Amino acid sequence: MNPYSSPFSKQQLLPQEETLEILKQKGELFIGIPKENQFQEKRVCLTPDAVNAITANGHRILMESGAGMGANYLDVEYTNAGAEITRDTKKVFGCPIILKVEPPTLQEIEIINPQTTIISALQIKTQCKKYFEELAKKRITAIAFEYIRDDEGKYPAVRSLSEIAGISSVLIASEIMAATNRGNGLMFGNISGVPPVEVVIIGAGTVGEFAARSALGLGANIKIFDNSISKLRSIQTNLRQTVYTSTIQPKNLLKALKRCDVAIGATRGKDRSPVVVSNTMVEHMKKGAVIIDVSIDMGGCFESSELTTHDNPIVVKNGVLHYGVPNIPSRYPKTASISISNIFTPYLLKIGEDGGFENALRFDKGLRSGLYLYHGILTNKSVGEWFDLSYSDINFLIF
C-alpha cells in the first residue's frame, strides 16, 4: 500500500462548492415535443434556432414529425438543428420532459410515463377536475408557462402573447373594414383631407397598449377606457404622447362608441371578463362598425359577443361586425412560435445548468411560481380553490 495514499476518494476530498458544481453539470435534458392536435393550434414551442442552442449544450430533443409545420418550419430544419424526428407519438410522450403549447388532453395523459415533467399552458378556464386527477395518478410534475414569473415579478409568456393579440386586433379590424370583407370600406391611414378612423379601446393593459400603439401608427384617433387610473397614466407614458383616456363611465363610453369605427375589448376579470358594453350600447353604434373582443376567451366584455373560429370569424349583430376568435396569436403562428421559443429557451438552458428540474425549482423562484403539480401533488392555490382540490405549499415539499 502506498504510504501517501489517502483513505478518502478524490470525490470526498472536493470542497462543497466544487461538489455543487459537479451536481449542476449532470443536468442532461431529454425533451419531447409532440405535434399540437387541438383545433386551429399551429404554434410550436421551439424554433429550429432554439433547438440548435439547446442541443449544442448537450441536451436531446425528440420531435414528432410535422410538429413545426403549422408555423412553417420543416422537419429537415429541425434535423439540421440537432433534433431527432419520429412519427411515433407514443415515443415522444415517453420522454422525461414534454414541451407543449396547449395542455395535454386526457387521451395524451394516458400515454405519458409516470414521473414525467410537463411544461405547457394550463388554460384553467378550459380544464376539468379529472385533468388534475389523471396527472396526479401518474405523479406528474407540471409547469404552466402562463404562471412563470420573471425577475421583475411579471409574467413574460402572458405579456408576449398579449402584445401579439393587441397588434393583431388592429390588423384584423383593418382587414374586416375592407369592402371585400363585408366592411364599410374605410381604411386605416392618415390620408390628407380624410378624417381618421376612430378607435375605442376598452382596457389599458398590455393588449390595450399594443392595440393603441398600432392604431396610432396607422394614423387613427384613439380613446382608451379603463377603471384603473394608474394603468391609464402608465399607457400615456408608454405611448409617449397625450391620448384621450377616461374611466369607464357609461355616458362617456356610449358617446365614444356612437362615433367609433372600431371598438376593441381587452379587459380581464378574476373569473371572467366584466361585461362593459351592453346590447343597447351596441345598437347605438354605426352600421358597419367593427368589434374585436380580445377578452372572448374569458367570456367577452361586449354582451353581444359570441365565440367564432378562424374559418368563420365574423358575426353581424345590429349591423355591427363582431370578431370573437379566442386564440388570436395562432393567426400568426410563426411570430407567436418565435415569441414562445424566446421565453422557453433560456429557462431550459438554465434548468440544464442547474442540474435538472429538482435543482432548478429550488434555485428559481419565478419557475417555481409556474408549478401547479409536483410529483402528483397539487401546489397551486388558485387551481385547488377553483376545482375544490387539496393543495400543498411547494416550499414545504422541495426544501
Protein backbone atom coordinates (compact mmCIF):
# COMPACT_ATOMS: atom_id res chain seq x y z
CA MET A 1 0.00 0.00 0.00
CA ASN A 2 1.27 3.45 -0.87
CA PRO A 3 2.09 5.31 2.42
CA TYR A 4 1.00 8.57 0.83
CA SER A 5 -2.38 7.26 -0.33
CA SER A 6 -5.45 8.78 1.32
CA PRO A 7 -8.29 6.76 2.87
CA PHE A 8 -10.69 9.21 1.14
CA SER A 9 -11.60 9.24 -2.54
CA LYS A 10 -10.87 12.26 -4.73
CA GLN A 11 -14.64 12.97 -4.81
CA GLN A 12 -14.86 13.03 -0.98
CA LEU A 13 -11.95 15.47 -0.73
CA LEU A 14 -13.57 18.08 -3.00
CA PRO A 15 -14.72 21.27 -1.24
CA GLN A 16 -18.53 21.60 -1.00
CA GLU A 17 -18.62 24.42 -3.56
CA GLU A 18 -16.97 22.19 -6.19
CA THR A 19 -19.35 19.33 -5.35
CA LEU A 20 -22.26 21.62 -6.13
CA GLU A 21 -20.68 22.48 -9.48
CA ILE A 22 -20.34 18.77 -10.33
CA LEU A 23 -24.01 18.21 -9.47
CA LYS A 24 -25.03 21.09 -11.72
CA GLN A 25 -23.13 19.66 -14.72
CA LYS A 26 -25.17 16.44 -14.62
CA GLY A 27 -28.37 18.02 -15.97
CA GLU A 28 -28.72 16.50 -19.43
CA LEU A 29 -32.28 17.10 -20.57
CA PHE A 30 -34.26 14.81 -22.85
CA ILE A 31 -37.18 16.83 -24.24
CA GLY A 32 -40.11 15.57 -26.28
CA ILE A 33 -42.09 17.98 -28.49
CA PRO A 34 -45.33 16.42 -29.80
CA LYS A 35 -47.40 17.77 -32.68
CA GLU A 36 -50.22 20.04 -31.47
CA ASN A 37 -53.59 18.46 -32.31
CA GLN A 38 -56.02 20.94 -30.75
CA PHE A 39 -58.38 22.77 -33.09
CA GLN A 40 -56.63 25.52 -35.09
CA GLU A 41 -53.48 25.40 -32.92
CA LYS A 42 -50.50 25.93 -35.24
CA ARG A 43 -47.82 27.15 -32.85
CA VAL A 44 -44.74 25.16 -31.81
CA CYS A 45 -42.73 25.60 -28.60
CA LEU A 46 -39.23 25.79 -30.09
CA THR A 47 -37.92 27.17 -33.39
CA PRO A 48 -35.02 25.40 -35.18
CA ASP A 49 -32.62 28.10 -33.89
CA ALA A 50 -33.74 27.42 -30.30
CA VAL A 51 -33.34 23.64 -30.84
CA ASN A 52 -29.82 24.28 -32.12
CA ALA A 53 -28.94 26.31 -28.99
CA ILE A 54 -30.31 23.59 -26.70
CA THR A 55 -28.76 20.57 -28.46
CA ALA A 56 -25.41 22.41 -28.70
CA ASN A 57 -25.41 22.40 -24.88
CA GLY A 58 -25.57 18.60 -24.79
CA HIS A 59 -29.34 18.11 -24.45
CA ARG A 60 -31.54 15.82 -26.56
CA ILE A 61 -34.75 16.83 -28.33
CA LEU A 62 -37.16 14.34 -29.86
CA MET A 63 -39.83 15.88 -32.08
CA GLU A 64 -42.90 14.38 -33.65
CA SER A 65 -42.81 14.65 -37.42
CA GLY A 66 -44.73 17.72 -38.61
CA ALA A 67 -44.68 19.46 -35.18
CA GLY A 68 -43.46 22.70 -36.76
CA MET A 69 -45.47 22.56 -40.00
CA GLY A 70 -48.24 24.89 -38.75
CA ALA A 71 -45.62 27.61 -38.15
CA ASN A 72 -43.89 26.85 -41.50
CA TYR A 73 -40.89 25.00 -40.03
CA LEU A 74 -39.91 21.79 -41.86
CA ASP A 75 -38.70 18.56 -40.23
CA VAL A 76 -35.40 18.89 -42.11
CA GLU A 77 -34.78 22.29 -40.44
CA TYR A 78 -35.13 20.65 -37.02
CA THR A 79 -32.94 17.70 -38.05
CA ASN A 80 -30.22 20.10 -39.20
CA ALA A 81 -30.54 21.90 -35.85
CA GLY A 82 -29.80 18.67 -33.95
CA ALA A 83 -33.27 17.33 -33.14
CA GLU A 84 -34.33 13.71 -33.64
CA ILE A 85 -37.57 13.24 -35.61
CA THR A 86 -40.06 10.40 -35.18
CA ARG A 87 -43.57 9.58 -36.41
CA ASP A 88 -44.24 7.60 -33.22
CA THR A 89 -46.41 9.82 -30.99
CA LYS A 90 -46.05 7.43 -28.00
CA LYS A 91 -42.27 7.66 -28.23
CA VAL A 92 -42.43 11.48 -27.96
CA PHE A 93 -44.82 11.32 -25.00
CA GLY A 94 -42.43 8.79 -23.41
CA CYS A 95 -39.71 11.45 -22.96
CA PRO A 96 -38.93 12.54 -19.37
CA ILE A 97 -39.71 16.19 -20.25
CA ILE A 98 -42.61 17.13 -22.54
CA LEU A 99 -42.89 20.60 -24.05
CA LYS A 100 -46.27 21.68 -25.45
CA VAL A 101 -48.20 24.86 -26.26
CA GLU A 102 -51.66 23.52 -25.37
CA PRO A 103 -52.19 21.45 -22.20
CA PRO A 104 -52.18 17.67 -22.83
CA THR A 105 -55.57 16.07 -23.43
CA LEU A 106 -56.87 13.21 -21.27
CA GLN A 107 -56.01 10.80 -24.13
CA GLU A 108 -52.44 12.14 -24.22
CA ILE A 109 -52.08 11.85 -20.43
CA GLU A 110 -52.80 8.09 -20.80
CA ILE A 111 -49.62 7.57 -22.87
CA ILE A 112 -47.37 9.77 -20.68
CA ASN A 113 -44.98 7.87 -18.42
CA PRO A 114 -45.20 8.23 -14.62
CA GLN A 115 -42.91 10.89 -13.07
CA THR A 116 -42.74 12.90 -16.33
CA THR A 117 -42.32 16.68 -16.28
CA ILE A 118 -44.72 18.66 -18.50
CA ILE A 119 -44.30 22.31 -19.49
CA SER A 120 -47.32 23.75 -21.32
CA ALA A 121 -50.14 26.23 -20.94
CA LEU A 122 -52.69 25.34 -18.25
CA GLN A 123 -55.71 27.31 -19.52
CA ILE A 124 -57.52 26.84 -16.21
CA LYS A 125 -60.87 28.05 -17.64
CA THR A 126 -60.99 25.12 -20.08
CA GLN A 127 -59.95 22.38 -17.62
CA CYS A 128 -61.95 19.90 -15.57
CA LYS A 129 -61.25 18.21 -12.22
CA LYS A 130 -60.43 14.89 -13.93
CA TYR A 131 -57.48 16.50 -15.76
CA PHE A 132 -55.66 17.13 -12.47
CA GLU A 133 -56.69 13.76 -11.00
CA GLU A 134 -55.24 11.89 -14.01
CA LEU A 135 -51.96 13.84 -13.81
CA ALA A 136 -51.79 13.18 -10.06
CA LYS A 137 -52.24 9.41 -10.59
CA LYS A 138 -49.07 9.38 -12.70
CA ARG A 139 -47.18 11.57 -10.19
CA ILE A 140 -46.55 14.16 -12.91
CA THR A 141 -44.65 17.41 -12.31
CA ALA A 142 -46.42 20.12 -14.33
CA ILE A 143 -45.48 23.74 -15.03
CA ALA A 144 -47.86 26.27 -16.62
CA PHE A 145 -45.88 28.74 -18.69
CA GLU A 146 -48.51 31.48 -18.25
CA TYR A 147 -47.79 31.43 -14.46
CA ILE A 148 -43.98 31.66 -14.74
CA ARG A 149 -42.67 34.99 -13.44
CA ASP A 150 -39.51 36.85 -14.44
CA ASP A 151 -37.06 38.72 -12.17
CA GLU A 152 -39.45 41.70 -12.00
CA GLY A 153 -42.36 39.51 -10.90
CA LYS A 154 -44.14 39.86 -14.25
CA TYR A 155 -45.48 37.09 -16.50
CA PRO A 156 -43.31 37.05 -19.67
CA ALA A 157 -45.41 34.49 -21.63
CA VAL A 158 -48.69 36.30 -20.96
CA ARG A 159 -47.17 39.68 -21.84
CA SER A 160 -45.63 38.36 -25.05
CA LEU A 161 -48.88 36.81 -26.30
CA SER A 162 -50.82 39.91 -25.19
CA GLU A 163 -48.51 42.08 -27.31
CA ILE A 164 -49.31 39.91 -30.35
CA ALA A 165 -53.06 39.96 -29.57
CA GLY A 166 -53.04 43.78 -29.22
CA ILE A 167 -51.27 44.41 -32.52
CA SER A 168 -53.36 41.71 -34.25
CA SER A 169 -56.64 43.29 -33.12
CA VAL A 170 -55.89 46.44 -35.14
CA LEU A 171 -54.62 44.50 -38.18
CA ILE A 172 -57.74 42.29 -38.11
CA ALA A 173 -60.02 45.33 -37.81
CA SER A 174 -58.35 46.95 -40.83
CA GLU A 175 -58.93 43.75 -42.85
CA ILE A 176 -62.60 43.45 -41.82
CA MET A 177 -63.26 47.10 -42.75
CA ALA A 178 -62.24 46.43 -46.37
CA ALA A 179 -65.22 46.29 -48.72
CA THR A 180 -64.05 42.84 -49.89
CA ASN A 181 -64.73 41.55 -46.34
CA ARG A 182 -68.25 42.97 -45.96
CA GLY A 183 -66.77 46.04 -44.26
CA ASN A 184 -67.70 49.70 -44.55
CA GLY A 185 -64.80 50.43 -46.91
CA LEU A 186 -62.85 52.68 -44.54
CA MET A 187 -59.08 52.44 -44.39
CA PHE A 188 -56.70 52.99 -41.51
CA GLY A 189 -54.14 55.57 -42.51
CA ASN A 190 -53.52 59.28 -42.22
CA ILE A 191 -54.76 60.28 -45.67
CA SER A 192 -54.61 64.04 -46.37
CA GLY A 193 -58.04 65.63 -46.16
CA VAL A 194 -59.75 62.43 -44.96
CA PRO A 195 -60.98 62.20 -41.32
CA PRO A 196 -59.04 59.48 -39.46
CA VAL A 197 -60.62 56.21 -38.31
CA GLU A 198 -61.98 56.45 -34.74
CA VAL A 199 -60.94 53.61 -32.42
CA VAL A 200 -62.23 52.90 -28.89
CA ILE A 201 -60.04 50.64 -26.72
CA ILE A 202 -61.56 49.24 -23.53
CA GLY A 203 -58.81 48.08 -21.17
CA ALA A 204 -55.40 49.73 -20.66
CA GLY A 205 -53.34 46.59 -20.04
CA THR A 206 -50.72 45.10 -22.40
CA VAL A 207 -53.30 44.23 -25.10
CA GLY A 208 -54.77 47.74 -24.92
CA GLU A 209 -51.34 49.38 -25.02
CA PHE A 210 -50.18 47.50 -28.13
CA ALA A 211 -53.55 47.99 -29.86
CA ALA A 212 -53.22 51.73 -29.16
CA ARG A 213 -49.64 51.77 -30.43
CA SER A 214 -50.64 50.07 -33.70
CA ALA A 215 -53.75 52.22 -34.23
CA LEU A 216 -51.74 55.41 -33.69
CA GLY A 217 -49.06 54.14 -36.05
CA LEU A 218 -51.73 53.72 -38.72
CA GLY A 219 -52.99 57.26 -38.18
CA ALA A 220 -56.17 56.56 -36.21
CA ASN A 221 -57.75 58.67 -33.46
CA ILE A 222 -57.97 56.61 -30.26
CA LYS A 223 -59.89 56.74 -26.99
CA ILE A 224 -58.84 54.47 -24.13
CA PHE A 225 -61.14 53.45 -21.27
CA ASP A 226 -60.12 51.71 -18.03
CA ASN A 227 -61.15 51.95 -14.38
CA SER A 228 -57.52 51.94 -13.23
CA ILE A 229 -56.07 55.46 -13.15
CA SER A 230 -52.54 54.06 -12.74
CA LYS A 231 -52.95 51.96 -15.92
CA LEU A 232 -54.24 54.96 -17.86
CA ARG A 233 -51.32 57.02 -16.60
CA SER A 234 -48.90 54.24 -17.50
CA ILE A 235 -50.27 53.85 -21.04
CA GLN A 236 -49.84 57.61 -21.65
CA THR A 237 -46.20 57.32 -20.53
CA ASN A 238 -45.52 54.21 -22.65
CA LEU A 239 -47.12 55.69 -25.77
CA ARG A 240 -45.07 58.88 -25.23
CA GLN A 241 -47.93 61.09 -26.28
CA THR A 242 -51.14 62.53 -24.91
CA VAL A 243 -54.18 60.50 -25.91
CA TYR A 244 -57.84 60.58 -24.78
CA THR A 245 -58.22 58.47 -21.63
CA SER A 246 -61.24 58.01 -19.39
CA THR A 247 -62.57 55.83 -16.63
CA ILE A 248 -65.41 53.54 -17.73
CA GLN A 249 -68.41 55.81 -17.29
CA PRO A 250 -71.46 54.65 -19.33
CA LYS A 251 -72.28 58.14 -20.61
CA ASN A 252 -68.75 58.87 -21.89
CA LEU A 253 -68.31 55.33 -23.24
CA LEU A 254 -71.64 55.40 -25.13
CA LYS A 255 -70.74 58.76 -26.67
CA ALA A 256 -67.40 57.36 -27.90
CA LEU A 257 -68.97 54.11 -29.18
CA LYS A 258 -71.58 56.06 -31.21
CA ARG A 259 -68.78 57.81 -33.11
CA CYS A 260 -66.22 55.00 -33.42
CA ASP A 261 -65.46 52.81 -36.43
CA VAL A 262 -63.62 50.14 -34.38
CA ALA A 263 -64.10 49.03 -30.75
CA ILE A 264 -61.52 46.74 -29.16
CA GLY A 265 -62.35 44.94 -25.90
CA ALA A 266 -59.32 44.00 -23.80
CA THR A 267 -60.49 43.75 -20.19
CA ARG A 268 -59.70 40.98 -17.73
CA GLY A 269 -61.52 39.82 -14.61
CA LYS A 270 -60.70 37.33 -11.88
CA ASP A 271 -63.07 34.61 -13.08
CA ARG A 272 -64.41 36.11 -16.30
CA SER A 273 -64.20 39.42 -18.12
CA PRO A 274 -66.68 42.03 -16.87
CA VAL A 275 -69.39 42.89 -19.43
CA VAL A 276 -68.69 46.57 -20.06
CA VAL A 277 -70.70 47.17 -23.25
CA SER A 278 -74.37 46.18 -23.21
CA ASN A 279 -76.51 45.15 -26.21
CA THR A 280 -78.26 48.53 -26.03
CA MET A 281 -74.92 50.34 -26.41
CA VAL A 282 -74.04 48.19 -29.43
CA GLU A 283 -77.41 49.09 -31.02
CA HIS A 284 -76.32 52.76 -30.96
CA MET A 285 -73.06 52.04 -32.84
CA LYS A 286 -72.65 52.92 -36.54
CA LYS A 287 -73.71 50.34 -39.14
CA GLY A 288 -70.58 48.66 -40.46
CA ALA A 289 -68.56 49.38 -37.29
CA VAL A 290 -66.24 46.59 -36.11
CA ILE A 291 -65.97 45.00 -32.66
CA ILE A 292 -62.84 42.95 -31.84
CA ASP A 293 -63.44 41.23 -28.48
CA VAL A 294 -59.97 40.07 -27.40
CA SER A 295 -61.45 39.08 -24.00
CA ILE A 296 -63.72 36.45 -25.60
CA ASP A 297 -61.61 33.61 -24.15
CA MET A 298 -62.77 34.81 -20.72
CA GLY A 299 -66.40 35.42 -21.67
CA GLY A 300 -66.02 38.71 -23.54
CA CYS A 301 -66.59 42.31 -22.45
CA PHE A 302 -69.29 43.01 -25.07
CA GLU A 303 -72.67 41.50 -24.20
CA SER A 304 -73.34 40.83 -27.91
CA SER A 305 -70.06 38.93 -28.48
CA GLU A 306 -70.02 35.23 -29.24
CA LEU A 307 -67.27 32.67 -29.86
CA THR A 308 -66.26 32.30 -33.50
CA THR A 309 -63.48 30.45 -35.37
CA HIS A 310 -60.68 31.44 -37.73
CA ASP A 311 -62.69 29.86 -40.57
CA ASN A 312 -65.87 31.85 -39.81
CA PRO A 313 -64.63 34.74 -37.64
CA ILE A 314 -67.39 37.35 -38.09
CA VAL A 315 -70.94 37.54 -36.75
CA VAL A 316 -73.15 40.53 -37.69
CA LYS A 317 -75.49 41.86 -34.99
CA ASN A 318 -77.40 45.15 -35.22
CA GLY A 319 -75.38 45.94 -38.35
CA VAL A 320 -72.11 45.74 -36.35
CA LEU A 321 -69.43 43.20 -37.34
CA HIS A 322 -68.31 41.15 -34.32
CA TYR A 323 -64.99 39.26 -34.28
CA GLY A 324 -64.83 36.71 -31.45
CA VAL A 325 -61.97 34.28 -32.15
CA PRO A 326 -60.41 33.28 -28.80
CA ASN A 327 -56.91 32.28 -29.92
CA ILE A 328 -55.81 35.37 -31.86
CA PRO A 329 -51.99 34.73 -31.64
CA SER A 330 -52.42 31.41 -33.53
CA ARG A 331 -53.45 33.52 -36.53
CA TYR A 332 -49.76 34.45 -36.75
CA PRO A 333 -48.20 31.12 -35.70
CA LYS A 334 -44.63 31.86 -36.81
CA THR A 335 -44.37 35.12 -34.85
CA ALA A 336 -46.11 33.53 -31.85
CA SER A 337 -43.79 30.49 -32.01
CA ILE A 338 -40.66 32.66 -32.08
CA SER A 339 -42.05 34.62 -29.12
CA ILE A 340 -42.80 31.48 -27.07
CA SER A 341 -39.46 29.95 -28.06
CA ASN A 342 -37.60 33.05 -26.80
CA ILE A 343 -39.20 32.52 -23.39
CA PHE A 344 -38.64 28.75 -23.19
CA THR A 345 -35.02 28.58 -24.40
CA PRO A 346 -33.26 30.49 -21.56
CA TYR A 347 -35.31 28.54 -18.97
CA LEU A 348 -34.41 25.16 -20.50
CA LEU A 349 -30.70 26.07 -20.68
CA LYS A 350 -30.82 27.30 -17.07
CA ILE A 351 -32.57 24.09 -15.94
CA GLY A 352 -29.75 22.11 -17.59
CA GLU A 353 -27.09 24.24 -15.85
CA ASP A 354 -28.83 23.86 -12.50
CA GLY A 355 -28.72 20.07 -12.82
CA GLY A 356 -32.32 19.33 -13.79
CA PHE A 357 -35.78 20.36 -12.63
CA GLU A 358 -35.41 19.44 -8.96
CA ASN A 359 -32.48 21.83 -8.51
CA ALA A 360 -33.94 24.48 -10.83
CA LEU A 361 -37.12 24.65 -8.74
CA ARG A 362 -35.00 25.21 -5.63
CA PHE A 363 -32.93 27.97 -7.21
CA ASP A 364 -35.52 29.75 -9.38
CA LYS A 365 -38.47 31.36 -7.61
CA GLY A 366 -40.00 32.52 -10.92
CA LEU A 367 -40.05 28.98 -12.34
CA ARG A 368 -41.47 27.71 -9.06
CA SER A 369 -44.43 30.10 -9.39
CA GLY A 370 -45.36 28.31 -12.64
CA LEU A 371 -45.52 24.92 -10.92
CA TYR A 372 -49.01 23.54 -10.27
CA LEU A 373 -48.22 19.82 -9.76
CA TYR A 374 -45.13 18.41 -8.04
CA HIS A 375 -44.83 14.62 -8.34
CA GLY A 376 -48.61 14.45 -8.46
CA ILE A 377 -49.18 16.80 -5.50
CA LEU A 378 -51.19 19.93 -6.34
CA THR A 379 -49.23 23.05 -5.38
CA ASN A 380 -51.30 25.86 -6.89
CA LYS A 381 -53.77 27.60 -4.59
CA SER A 382 -55.93 29.00 -7.44
CA VAL A 383 -56.35 25.56 -9.02
CA GLY A 384 -57.13 23.99 -5.63
CA GLU A 385 -59.83 26.53 -4.82
CA TRP A 386 -61.26 26.54 -8.37
CA PHE A 387 -61.71 22.75 -8.54
CA ASP A 388 -62.16 22.05 -4.81
CA LEU A 389 -58.94 20.01 -4.58
CA SER A 390 -56.50 19.85 -1.67
CA TYR A 391 -53.17 21.55 -2.30
CA SER A 392 -49.80 21.92 -0.56
CA ASP A 393 -47.26 24.74 -0.36
CA ILE A 394 -44.39 23.90 -2.74
CA ASN A 395 -41.86 25.46 -0.32
CA PHE A 396 -42.58 22.67 2.21
CA LEU A 397 -42.13 19.98 -0.45
CA ILE A 398 -38.80 20.83 -2.07
CA PHE A 399 -36.67 22.04 0.85
